[in-house]
Structure formats: structure tokens, C-alpha cells
Amino acid sequence: MNDSRFRFHRHRRANIWRRLVAGSLFFSLIGTSPFSNAEENETENAKRSDRLVQRGRDLRKIGDLQGSRHDLNEAIRLNPYNVDAYVQRGITRAQAKDFDGSYFDFEKAEEIDPGNITALFGRGLMHEMKNDINGAMQDFEAVLRLKPDHNMATYKRGILKFGLGQYEEAIEDFTKVIDRKPRSAVTLSARGLTKMHTGDLAGAIDDLDSALYVNPRLYRTLFARGKVYLLQGKRKAALFDFEKALQINRQYPDAYLLRGLVHLTMDRYEEALADLEKTLSLYKNPEMEDPPQLLLWFTRMYLEREDEANQRLARHLKKRLAHEEEGGAEIPDWYAAQVRFQLGEVKENSRAAPSGDDGEKPGKQNRLRCKYYYYTALHKLLHKDAETAIPLMRKCLQTDQYDAIEYIAAGLQLRKLRVKLE
């Protein structure tokens, strides 16, 4: 190689090296570096993000959901990988009833940090809110695989199983929670209600008593215990519980409904009328009015107010059909047919009991049969045909729909007639 060329390249490399050394010395003197600025900014942003998450959590606790969401949005902007920021924003959005946004946040947190228990549980709750039972069950199961003693996931899984009619499995989950938290009034109430559905009335009363011992102001638990008392034929005890429930919450329609039903079976028609009309004033959706409207028809008929009874019931049916046409809840076939039968618009033999040929699940078929048998029997009693009514009431009880008001009423009616329930 030519010497002059070699010296040129060596001189060039030396100059580059001198500039690098000089640059490094310069940056060290002024306290910075071209390679550390980004890292330092990222670290500072992460710290600021964490502080905003804490403040967002605190704002939510005092009820400032808008301020909480603002801080959490900023926390995520500063650090898009801040798992806690997504989790906390998911909680804030859920409290603000932004369930789609909440679902997104829990999904994102779980994506960044697979197996994050809070994110999995939160996403399960959002699945439940969307009525995605399978999705909710999968998330609660995932939580319990990671943390088998997670009480809320165990409780929520029990609630889902209860909704699916898996009562024994639900009781197992509730029992696990109660074993760990014996004073969990909510879980004791849930297990008591579930036991009622299995026909274990004594066990149901034990659990509901225990729940009310912990918290005597659980009006829904008082109502549930009243229902069990009715199943046992203890009307006075049930009425006492319904009254206590209403003292705590005067706007609780279900308590008025069952109290009205008890008055009806005891021939206290004016009291029944007042309670059932109060029920209607509190129900918000037309479809919720179906049972009390039928019971009101019978009550008015017993009070010899036939014209008013027919007009009110016909008006309700028309309202329900109009609501259905506008996109509201469908009116059940059994109900429309039962109303027309009571109004005399169709003959008795045109209204057959549900056959099970329409694709409905067996549990729902039993519930429909229970309703059909009860209201048809009540019609027979209205026309003083107890001989036909009694077998129909017994058939209603054979459906084992312990939670249905028609099932409860059938038992009360048979006791009133002083005949065997079976």
C-alpha cells in the first residue's frame, strides 16, 4: 500500500476518534448524553404515570369518576404498557357504566400481563354484564386456577352455576367461601336461596337466619326467608318478614307482590288489591306486570267488579302487544292465551298445557306448566269448582318450581282447602 495513502487513512481514523472522545468529554461535562436522554425520559414518564394511576384511584374512591378517568388516560399516554393504569381505568369505566370501555381495558391489561388476576376477574364481570355466561365462567375459572382461594371469583362462579340451574355445584362454591368467611352475609343469603331451589327448606332457613344475624337490614334476604316460610305454610311469619323488608325499602315491588298474593289466598281482597296495585306502580317494564295483572283480575272478580277486571286486563294485553311490535319484550304465548281464556275470548279446551314439543328446555317447560296449572285452577275455584281445581294445584306442585310465585300460591291454596299437597 502507498505510504501516503496509509498515512491519510490513519490520520482520518485518528481524527474521528478524537472527535468521539471530545464529544464524550463534552457531554460528561454538561451532565447528559445523546444515548441516555430517551431512557431518562422514559423512566420519568413511567414514574409520572404511576403517580397519576394512584391519583386516579383516589379520585374514583371519592366519587370523581371524570377526574379519575382523565388522570388514567394521561397515565396510559405517558406509559402505554402500564398494566395497573388499564386495570384502574377499567374499574372506573365499569362504575360509570361504560361496560364496553371497561371490557377493552381489562382485555388490554391481560394482553400486556397474561395471568393478571385483577384483569381476568374484571373481564369476567364484564362478560357477565353482557350475559356472556361462557366467557364469564372461563375467566372466573382462570382466576381460580391461579388463586384457588379467590373468594369473589368463587362466589361469582357459584352465582353463574345458580343461574344455570346447577344448584348443588353452586352450593359447593358458596360453602367454600363461607368456610373461609363465615360472616359473609351475602354468601349465606345466596346459599340459603339456592337450598330453597333444591327443596331443602330447613337448610335454607338456617342460612338466611345466619345472614340476617350478621346484617338484619338485608331486605332481600328478609324477602327470601318470607318465601321459604310460605313454602312451609307459615303465612304469619312470612307476612312479618315482608313487612320488615318494606320498612327498610318501601319501593321493593316483589314484597308487595307476594304479600298481595298471601292476602288473596286468605280472602282479604281489599288488602290484596292495594298491594298488587302498588306492585304495578313500582314495576318499570310492561312484561314485569304480567303476573300481578292476572292476580288483580282474580281479585277484582272476587270483589264482584267484573267489568273493571275485564277492562283492565284487556288493556294490559293490548299494551303488551303494542310494546312487542315496537321492539319490546315478546309476550309469552302461554300468557296471551291465559289472558284470553280468563276473558272468555277462547274456550277452555283451546288452551292446552305446554307439551314440551316447542323446543323449550325441560326446566322452562316445568315453569310454564306450573303457571298454566295454577291460573287454570284459580279460574276453577272462582267458579266454585274445587273438585277440578285441586288436582290442577297438585300438578303445579309436581313441577318443583319452588321459586315461582304460582308454585308458592298453589301450596297456600291447598292448605287453605285443607287437602294434602300431594
Protein backbone atom coordinates (compact mmCIF):
# COMPACT_ATOMS: atom_id res chain seq x y z
CA MET A 1 0.00 0.00 0.00
CA ASN A 2 1.15 3.52 -0.82
CA ASP A 3 2.59 5.15 2.34
CA SER A 4 0.91 8.49 1.75
CA ARG A 5 -2.45 6.77 1.35
CA PHE A 6 -1.87 4.76 4.51
CA ARG A 7 -0.96 7.91 6.44
CA PHE A 8 -4.13 9.62 5.16
CA HIS A 9 -6.44 6.84 6.41
CA ARG A 10 -4.62 6.61 9.71
CA HIS A 11 -4.91 10.37 10.14
CA ARG A 12 -8.63 10.22 9.29
CA ARG A 13 -9.31 7.46 11.82
CA ALA A 14 -7.40 9.38 14.45
CA ASN A 15 -9.49 12.50 13.82
CA ILE A 16 -12.73 10.53 14.12
CA TRP A 17 -11.58 9.01 17.39
CA ARG A 18 -10.54 12.44 18.73
CA ARG A 19 -13.98 13.82 17.88
CA LEU A 20 -15.72 10.93 19.64
CA VAL A 21 -13.57 11.34 22.75
CA ALA A 22 -14.03 15.09 22.71
CA GLY A 23 -17.80 14.69 22.28
CA SER A 24 -17.99 12.23 25.13
CA LEU A 25 -15.97 14.60 27.33
CA PHE A 26 -18.27 17.49 26.38
CA PHE A 27 -21.44 15.57 27.24
CA SER A 28 -19.94 14.34 30.51
CA LEU A 29 -19.07 17.94 31.43
CA ILE A 30 -22.65 19.20 30.81
CA GLY A 31 -24.19 16.16 32.54
CA THR A 32 -26.01 14.50 29.64
CA SER A 33 -25.54 12.01 26.85
CA PRO A 34 -27.12 11.55 23.45
CA PHE A 35 -27.68 7.88 24.34
CA SER A 36 -29.35 8.39 27.78
CA ASN A 37 -31.90 11.16 27.11
CA ALA A 38 -34.56 8.81 25.77
CA GLU A 39 -34.03 6.35 28.61
CA GLU A 40 -34.25 9.05 31.23
CA ASN A 41 -37.42 10.48 29.68
CA GLU A 42 -38.96 7.03 29.57
CA THR A 43 -38.14 6.44 33.23
CA GLU A 44 -39.56 9.80 34.24
CA ASN A 45 -42.73 9.18 32.21
CA ALA A 46 -43.18 5.81 33.90
CA LYS A 47 -42.88 7.44 37.33
CA ARG A 48 -45.36 10.16 36.40
CA SER A 49 -47.69 7.52 35.00
CA ASP A 50 -47.62 5.59 38.28
CA ARG A 51 -48.35 8.76 40.26
CA LEU A 52 -51.33 9.51 38.01
CA VAL A 53 -52.63 5.97 38.47
CA GLN A 54 -52.58 6.45 42.23
CA ARG A 55 -54.35 9.79 41.95
CA GLY A 56 -56.89 8.34 39.52
CA ARG A 57 -57.62 5.55 42.02
CA ASP A 58 -58.05 8.07 44.84
CA LEU A 59 -60.38 10.27 42.77
CA ARG A 60 -62.56 7.27 41.99
CA LYS A 61 -62.82 6.43 45.69
CA ILE A 62 -64.27 9.87 46.43
CA GLY A 63 -66.70 9.58 43.50
CA ASP A 64 -64.94 11.80 40.95
CA LEU A 65 -65.17 9.37 38.01
CA GLN A 66 -64.50 12.04 35.38
CA GLY A 67 -61.34 13.21 37.12
CA SER A 68 -60.26 9.63 37.68
CA ARG A 69 -60.65 8.75 34.02
CA HIS A 70 -58.78 11.91 32.95
CA ASP A 71 -55.77 11.01 35.09
CA LEU A 72 -55.78 7.40 33.97
CA ASN A 73 -55.98 8.43 30.31
CA GLU A 74 -52.89 10.57 30.85
CA ALA A 75 -51.15 7.76 32.70
CA ILE A 76 -51.70 5.46 29.70
CA ARG A 77 -50.49 8.17 27.29
CA LEU A 78 -47.25 8.50 29.25
CA ASN A 79 -46.79 4.75 29.56
CA PRO A 80 -48.85 2.63 27.14
CA TYR A 81 -47.65 -0.53 28.92
CA ASN A 82 -48.81 0.45 32.42
CA VAL A 83 -50.96 -2.55 33.32
CA ASP A 84 -52.29 -1.00 36.52
CA ALA A 85 -53.44 2.08 34.59
CA TYR A 86 -55.60 -0.10 32.31
CA VAL A 87 -56.94 -2.08 35.28
CA GLN A 88 -57.84 1.05 37.24
CA ARG A 89 -59.42 2.70 34.20
CA GLY A 90 -61.40 -0.49 33.62
CA ILE A 91 -62.77 -0.25 37.17
CA THR A 92 -63.57 3.45 36.74
CA ARG A 93 -65.33 2.82 33.43
CA ALA A 94 -67.35 -0.01 34.96
CA GLN A 95 -68.52 2.27 37.76
CA ALA A 96 -69.51 4.82 35.11
CA LYS A 97 -71.45 2.01 33.34
CA ASP A 98 -69.17 2.19 30.31
CA PHE A 99 -69.03 -1.60 30.13
CA ASP A 100 -67.61 -1.84 26.61
CA GLY A 101 -64.78 0.51 27.54
CA SER A 102 -64.19 -1.38 30.75
CA TYR A 103 -64.02 -4.68 28.87
CA PHE A 104 -61.43 -3.19 26.49
CA ASP A 105 -59.24 -2.05 29.40
CA PHE A 106 -59.28 -5.41 31.19
CA GLU A 107 -58.60 -7.16 27.89
CA LYS A 108 -55.63 -4.85 27.21
CA ALA A 109 -54.22 -5.34 30.71
CA GLU A 110 -54.45 -9.12 30.36
CA GLU A 111 -52.79 -8.89 26.94
CA ILE A 112 -49.82 -6.96 28.39
CA ASP A 113 -49.61 -9.09 31.53
CA PRO A 114 -51.09 -12.55 30.85
CA GLY A 115 -52.47 -14.07 34.03
CA ASN A 116 -53.15 -10.75 35.74
CA ILE A 117 -55.76 -11.81 38.27
CA THR A 118 -57.49 -8.44 38.62
CA ALA A 119 -57.76 -8.06 34.85
CA LEU A 120 -59.12 -11.60 34.43
CA PHE A 121 -61.68 -11.12 37.17
CA GLY A 122 -62.73 -7.71 35.82
CA ARG A 123 -63.11 -9.11 32.32
CA GLY A 124 -65.21 -11.94 33.75
CA LEU A 125 -67.53 -9.39 35.35
CA MET A 126 -67.88 -7.60 32.01
CA HIS A 127 -68.68 -10.91 30.28
CA GLU A 128 -71.37 -11.42 32.91
CA MET A 129 -72.76 -7.92 32.30
CA LYS A 130 -73.02 -8.77 28.59
CA ASN A 131 -74.79 -12.04 29.51
CA ASP A 132 -71.87 -13.99 28.05
CA ILE A 133 -72.07 -16.77 30.64
CA ASN A 134 -69.43 -18.97 28.98
CA GLY A 135 -66.94 -16.10 28.76
CA ALA A 136 -67.54 -15.14 32.38
CA MET A 137 -67.19 -18.73 33.55
CA GLN A 138 -63.90 -19.15 31.67
CA ASP A 139 -62.40 -16.02 33.24
CA PHE A 140 -63.50 -16.90 36.78
CA GLU A 141 -62.13 -20.41 36.29
CA ALA A 142 -58.82 -18.90 35.09
CA VAL A 143 -58.66 -16.74 38.21
CA LEU A 144 -59.27 -19.76 40.44
CA ARG A 145 -56.55 -21.79 38.72
CA LEU A 146 -54.11 -19.02 39.60
CA LYS A 147 -55.55 -18.29 43.03
CA PRO A 148 -57.82 -21.10 44.31
CA ASP A 149 -58.86 -19.13 47.41
CA HIS A 150 -60.09 -16.06 45.49
CA ASN A 151 -63.39 -15.55 47.32
CA MET A 152 -65.09 -13.23 44.83
CA ALA A 153 -64.29 -15.47 41.85
CA THR A 154 -65.61 -18.48 43.80
CA TYR A 155 -68.76 -16.57 44.73
CA LYS A 156 -69.35 -15.32 41.19
CA ARG A 157 -68.85 -18.81 39.77
CA GLY A 158 -71.47 -20.01 42.25
CA ILE A 159 -73.87 -17.31 41.07
CA LEU A 160 -73.36 -18.39 37.44
CA LYS A 161 -73.98 -22.01 38.33
CA PHE A 162 -77.13 -20.98 40.19
CA GLY A 163 -78.35 -19.20 37.06
CA LEU A 164 -77.68 -22.34 35.03
CA GLY A 165 -79.75 -24.41 37.45
CA GLN A 166 -76.66 -26.24 38.74
CA TYR A 167 -77.76 -25.83 42.34
CA GLU A 168 -75.59 -28.47 44.03
CA GLU A 169 -72.44 -27.12 42.34
CA ALA A 170 -73.44 -23.58 43.31
CA ILE A 171 -73.86 -24.66 46.93
CA GLU A 172 -70.36 -26.16 46.85
CA ASP A 173 -68.89 -22.82 45.74
CA PHE A 174 -70.84 -20.81 48.30
CA THR A 175 -69.76 -23.25 51.02
CA LYS A 176 -66.09 -22.74 50.11
CA VAL A 177 -66.49 -19.01 50.60
CA ILE A 178 -68.41 -19.44 53.87
CA ASP A 179 -65.74 -21.80 55.21
CA ARG A 180 -63.20 -19.02 54.69
CA LYS A 181 -65.53 -16.14 55.61
CA PRO A 182 -68.21 -17.44 58.00
CA ARG A 183 -69.78 -13.98 58.41
CA SER A 184 -70.29 -13.29 54.72
CA ALA A 185 -73.98 -12.37 54.86
CA VAL A 186 -74.29 -12.08 51.08
CA THR A 187 -72.88 -15.58 50.52
CA LEU A 188 -75.02 -17.06 53.31
CA SER A 189 -78.06 -15.48 51.64
CA ALA A 190 -77.08 -16.89 48.25
CA ARG A 191 -76.60 -20.39 49.66
CA GLY A 192 -79.90 -20.19 51.52
CA LEU A 193 -81.76 -19.16 48.37
CA THR A 194 -80.06 -21.95 46.43
CA LYS A 195 -81.05 -24.50 49.04
CA MET A 196 -84.64 -23.34 48.65
CA HIS A 197 -84.44 -24.25 44.95
CA THR A 198 -83.38 -27.79 45.88
CA GLY A 199 -86.29 -28.18 48.30
CA ASP A 200 -84.05 -28.06 51.39
CA LEU A 201 -86.29 -25.59 53.21
CA ALA A 202 -84.84 -26.19 56.69
CA GLY A 203 -81.31 -25.64 55.39
CA ALA A 204 -82.46 -22.52 53.58
CA ILE A 205 -83.93 -21.05 56.78
CA ASP A 206 -80.71 -21.81 58.69
CA ASP A 207 -78.58 -19.92 56.18
CA LEU A 208 -80.98 -16.99 55.85
CA ASP A 209 -81.21 -16.72 59.64
CA SER A 210 -77.41 -16.64 59.84
CA ALA A 211 -77.20 -13.94 57.18
CA LEU A 212 -79.76 -11.78 58.99
CA TYR A 213 -77.93 -12.28 62.27
CA VAL A 214 -74.87 -10.71 60.63
CA ASN A 215 -76.88 -7.95 58.92
CA PRO A 216 -80.55 -7.56 59.93
CA ARG A 217 -81.15 -4.90 57.25
CA LEU A 218 -80.74 -7.16 54.23
CA TYR A 219 -84.26 -6.64 52.90
CA ARG A 220 -83.82 -9.06 50.00
CA THR A 221 -82.79 -11.74 52.49
CA LEU A 222 -85.85 -10.98 54.60
CA PHE A 223 -87.96 -11.35 51.46
CA ALA A 224 -86.26 -14.66 50.61
CA ARG A 225 -86.90 -16.01 54.10
CA GLY A 226 -90.53 -14.94 53.78
CA LYS A 227 -90.80 -17.00 50.58
CA VAL A 228 -89.40 -20.05 52.34
CA TYR A 229 -91.85 -19.56 55.21
CA LEU A 230 -94.68 -19.54 52.66
CA LEU A 231 -93.39 -22.80 51.20
CA GLN A 232 -93.57 -24.20 54.74
CA GLY A 233 -97.12 -22.87 55.10
CA LYS A 234 -96.11 -20.25 57.72
CA ARG A 235 -98.11 -17.28 56.45
CA LYS A 236 -97.84 -15.10 59.57
CA ALA A 237 -94.06 -15.45 59.73
CA ALA A 238 -93.84 -14.66 56.01
CA LEU A 239 -96.01 -11.54 56.33
CA PHE A 240 -93.85 -10.39 59.22
CA ASP A 241 -90.71 -10.70 57.06
CA PHE A 242 -92.32 -8.92 54.10
CA GLU A 243 -93.35 -6.05 56.37
CA LYS A 244 -89.82 -5.77 57.80
CA ALA A 245 -88.39 -5.78 54.27
CA LEU A 246 -90.77 -2.97 53.30
CA GLN A 247 -89.84 -0.97 56.39
CA ILE A 248 -86.26 -0.97 55.08
CA ASN A 249 -87.20 -0.38 51.44
CA ARG A 250 -90.70 0.92 50.75
CA GLN A 251 -90.03 0.77 47.00
CA TYR A 252 -89.46 -3.01 46.84
CA PRO A 253 -92.17 -4.32 44.46
CA ASP A 254 -91.61 -8.06 44.96
CA ALA A 255 -92.52 -7.82 48.65
CA TYR A 256 -95.82 -6.12 47.77
CA LEU A 257 -96.48 -8.78 45.14
CA LEU A 258 -96.07 -11.74 47.48
CA ARG A 259 -97.86 -10.02 50.34
CA GLY A 260 -100.74 -9.33 47.95
CA LEU A 261 -100.72 -12.98 46.91
CA VAL A 262 -100.97 -14.07 50.55
CA HIS A 263 -103.89 -11.69 51.11
CA LEU A 264 -105.62 -13.10 48.02
CA THR A 265 -105.35 -16.70 49.26
CA MET A 266 -106.68 -15.58 52.67
CA ASP A 267 -109.73 -13.87 51.03
CA ARG A 268 -108.51 -10.42 52.10
CA TYR A 269 -109.37 -8.93 48.75
CA GLU A 270 -109.11 -5.21 49.56
CA GLU A 271 -105.63 -5.69 51.06
CA ALA A 272 -104.65 -7.83 48.06
CA LEU A 273 -105.89 -5.14 45.69
CA ALA A 274 -103.86 -2.42 47.42
CA ASP A 275 -100.63 -4.46 47.41
CA LEU A 276 -100.95 -5.65 43.82
CA GLU A 277 -101.70 -2.15 42.54
CA LYS A 278 -98.67 -0.88 44.46
CA THR A 279 -96.60 -3.56 42.73
CA LEU A 280 -97.71 -2.30 39.32
CA SER A 281 -96.79 1.27 40.21
CA LEU A 282 -93.23 0.18 41.01
CA TYR A 283 -92.53 -2.16 38.10
CA LYS A 284 -90.80 -0.31 35.26
CA ASN A 285 -91.25 -2.72 32.33
CA PRO A 286 -94.61 -3.84 30.90
CA GLU A 287 -93.54 -7.51 30.88
CA MET A 288 -92.97 -7.40 34.66
CA GLU A 289 -96.65 -6.55 35.08
CA ASP A 290 -97.87 -9.90 33.71
CA PRO A 291 -98.33 -11.90 36.97
CA PRO A 292 -99.77 -9.06 39.08
CA GLN A 293 -102.20 -8.12 36.29
CA LEU A 294 -103.61 -11.65 36.25
CA LEU A 295 -103.80 -11.75 40.06
CA LEU A 296 -105.53 -8.37 40.05
CA TRP A 297 -108.11 -9.75 37.61
CA PHE A 298 -108.98 -12.54 40.04
CA THR A 299 -109.02 -10.11 42.97
CA ARG A 300 -111.48 -7.77 41.22
CA MET A 301 -113.61 -10.71 40.18
CA TYR A 302 -113.88 -11.82 43.82
CA LEU A 303 -114.84 -8.23 44.69
CA GLU A 304 -117.59 -8.50 42.04
CA ARG A 305 -116.02 -5.81 39.87
CA GLU A 306 -116.18 -7.86 36.70
CA ASP A 307 -116.39 -5.02 34.16
CA GLU A 308 -113.40 -3.24 35.63
CA ALA A 309 -111.47 -6.53 35.90
CA ASN A 310 -112.03 -7.36 32.23
CA GLN A 311 -111.28 -3.84 31.00
CA ARG A 312 -108.02 -3.58 32.94
CA LEU A 313 -106.75 -6.99 31.86
CA ALA A 314 -107.73 -6.45 28.20
CA ARG A 315 -105.99 -3.06 28.28
CA HIS A 316 -102.82 -4.67 29.65
CA LEU A 317 -102.81 -7.31 26.91
CA LYS A 318 -103.20 -4.60 24.26
CA LYS A 319 -100.35 -2.64 25.82
CA ARG A 320 -98.09 -5.70 25.84
CA LEU A 321 -98.82 -6.48 22.18
CA ALA A 322 -98.09 -2.86 21.20
CA HIS A 323 -94.87 -2.92 23.21
CA GLU A 324 -93.82 -6.10 21.40
CA GLU A 325 -94.49 -4.53 17.98
CA GLU A 326 -92.29 -1.57 18.96
CA GLY A 327 -89.36 -3.89 19.63
CA GLY A 328 -90.02 -4.57 23.29
CA ALA A 329 -90.05 -7.94 25.04
CA GLU A 330 -92.21 -10.59 23.39
CA ILE A 331 -95.41 -11.53 25.15
CA PRO A 332 -95.20 -15.24 26.07
CA ASP A 333 -97.67 -17.46 24.24
CA TRP A 334 -98.85 -19.01 27.49
CA TYR A 335 -99.64 -15.61 28.95
CA ALA A 336 -101.55 -14.26 25.96
CA ALA A 337 -103.57 -17.49 25.79
CA GLN A 338 -104.22 -17.47 29.54
CA VAL A 339 -105.46 -13.87 29.46
CA ARG A 340 -107.79 -14.61 26.54
CA PHE A 341 -109.05 -17.68 28.36
CA GLN A 342 -109.79 -15.71 31.54
CA LEU A 343 -111.54 -13.01 29.49
CA GLY A 344 -113.69 -15.64 27.81
CA GLU A 345 -112.29 -14.93 24.35
CA VAL A 346 -111.25 -18.56 23.83
CA LYS A 347 -112.76 -21.82 25.05
CA GLU A 348 -111.07 -23.76 27.81
CA ASN A 349 -110.19 -26.73 25.59
CA SER A 350 -108.27 -24.47 23.21
CA ARG A 351 -105.70 -23.77 25.92
CA ALA A 352 -103.57 -26.85 26.45
CA ALA A 353 -100.74 -27.15 28.93
CA PRO A 354 -97.21 -26.78 27.46
CA SER A 355 -96.33 -30.07 25.81
CA GLY A 356 -92.55 -29.86 25.56
CA ASP A 357 -92.72 -30.06 21.75
CA ASP A 358 -91.78 -26.43 21.17
CA GLY A 359 -88.08 -26.78 21.80
CA GLU A 360 -88.09 -25.21 25.27
CA LYS A 361 -85.68 -26.63 27.86
CA PRO A 362 -87.23 -29.01 30.45
CA GLY A 363 -86.73 -26.52 33.32
CA LYS A 364 -88.56 -23.79 31.47
CA GLN A 365 -91.28 -26.21 30.42
CA ASN A 366 -91.86 -27.10 34.06
CA ARG A 367 -92.15 -23.42 34.93
CA LEU A 368 -94.69 -22.87 32.14
CA ARG A 369 -96.70 -25.88 33.30
CA CYS A 370 -96.65 -24.57 36.84
CA LYS A 371 -98.12 -21.24 35.68
CA TYR A 372 -100.72 -22.90 33.46
CA TYR A 373 -101.94 -25.30 36.15
CA TYR A 374 -102.16 -22.60 38.82
CA TYR A 375 -104.07 -19.95 36.85
CA THR A 376 -106.40 -22.54 35.35
CA ALA A 377 -107.07 -23.94 38.84
CA LEU A 378 -107.68 -20.46 40.19
CA HIS A 379 -110.26 -19.94 37.43
CA LYS A 380 -111.98 -23.16 38.53
CA LEU A 381 -112.03 -22.00 42.15
CA LEU A 382 -113.53 -18.69 41.07
CA HIS A 383 -116.39 -20.69 39.58
CA LYS A 384 -116.59 -22.87 42.71
CA ASP A 385 -115.25 -25.99 41.03
CA ALA A 386 -112.82 -27.16 43.71
CA GLU A 387 -113.05 -30.76 42.50
CA THR A 388 -111.29 -29.83 39.25
CA ALA A 389 -109.05 -27.17 40.81
CA ILE A 390 -107.40 -29.38 43.44
CA PRO A 391 -105.74 -31.86 41.00
CA LEU A 392 -104.50 -28.91 38.92
CA MET A 393 -102.95 -27.31 42.01
CA ARG A 394 -101.25 -30.61 42.83
CA LYS A 395 -99.88 -30.82 39.29
CA CYS A 396 -98.47 -27.33 39.76
CA LEU A 397 -96.59 -28.54 42.86
CA GLN A 398 -95.25 -31.57 40.97
CA THR A 399 -93.18 -29.21 38.80
CA ASP A 400 -90.92 -28.41 41.81
CA GLN A 401 -90.66 -24.75 40.81
CA TYR A 402 -90.04 -23.64 44.39
CA ASP A 403 -89.19 -20.07 43.43
CA ALA A 404 -92.25 -19.43 41.23
CA ILE A 405 -95.00 -17.35 42.84
CA GLU A 406 -97.57 -19.68 41.24
CA TYR A 407 -95.95 -22.68 42.96
CA ILE A 408 -95.99 -20.86 46.31
CA ALA A 409 -99.62 -19.81 45.79
CA ALA A 410 -100.71 -23.35 44.89
CA GLY A 411 -99.31 -24.67 48.16
CA LEU A 412 -101.05 -21.93 50.13
CA GLN A 413 -104.32 -22.59 48.33
CA LEU A 414 -104.25 -26.33 49.02
CA ARG A 415 -103.50 -25.70 52.69
CA LYS A 416 -106.43 -23.30 52.81
CA LEU A 417 -108.65 -26.01 51.31
CA ARG A 418 -107.28 -28.38 53.95
CA VAL A 419 -106.25 -31.04 51.48
CA LYS A 420 -102.98 -32.91 51.11
CA LEU A 421 -100.36 -31.22 48.96
CA GLU A 422 -99.56 -34.46 47.15
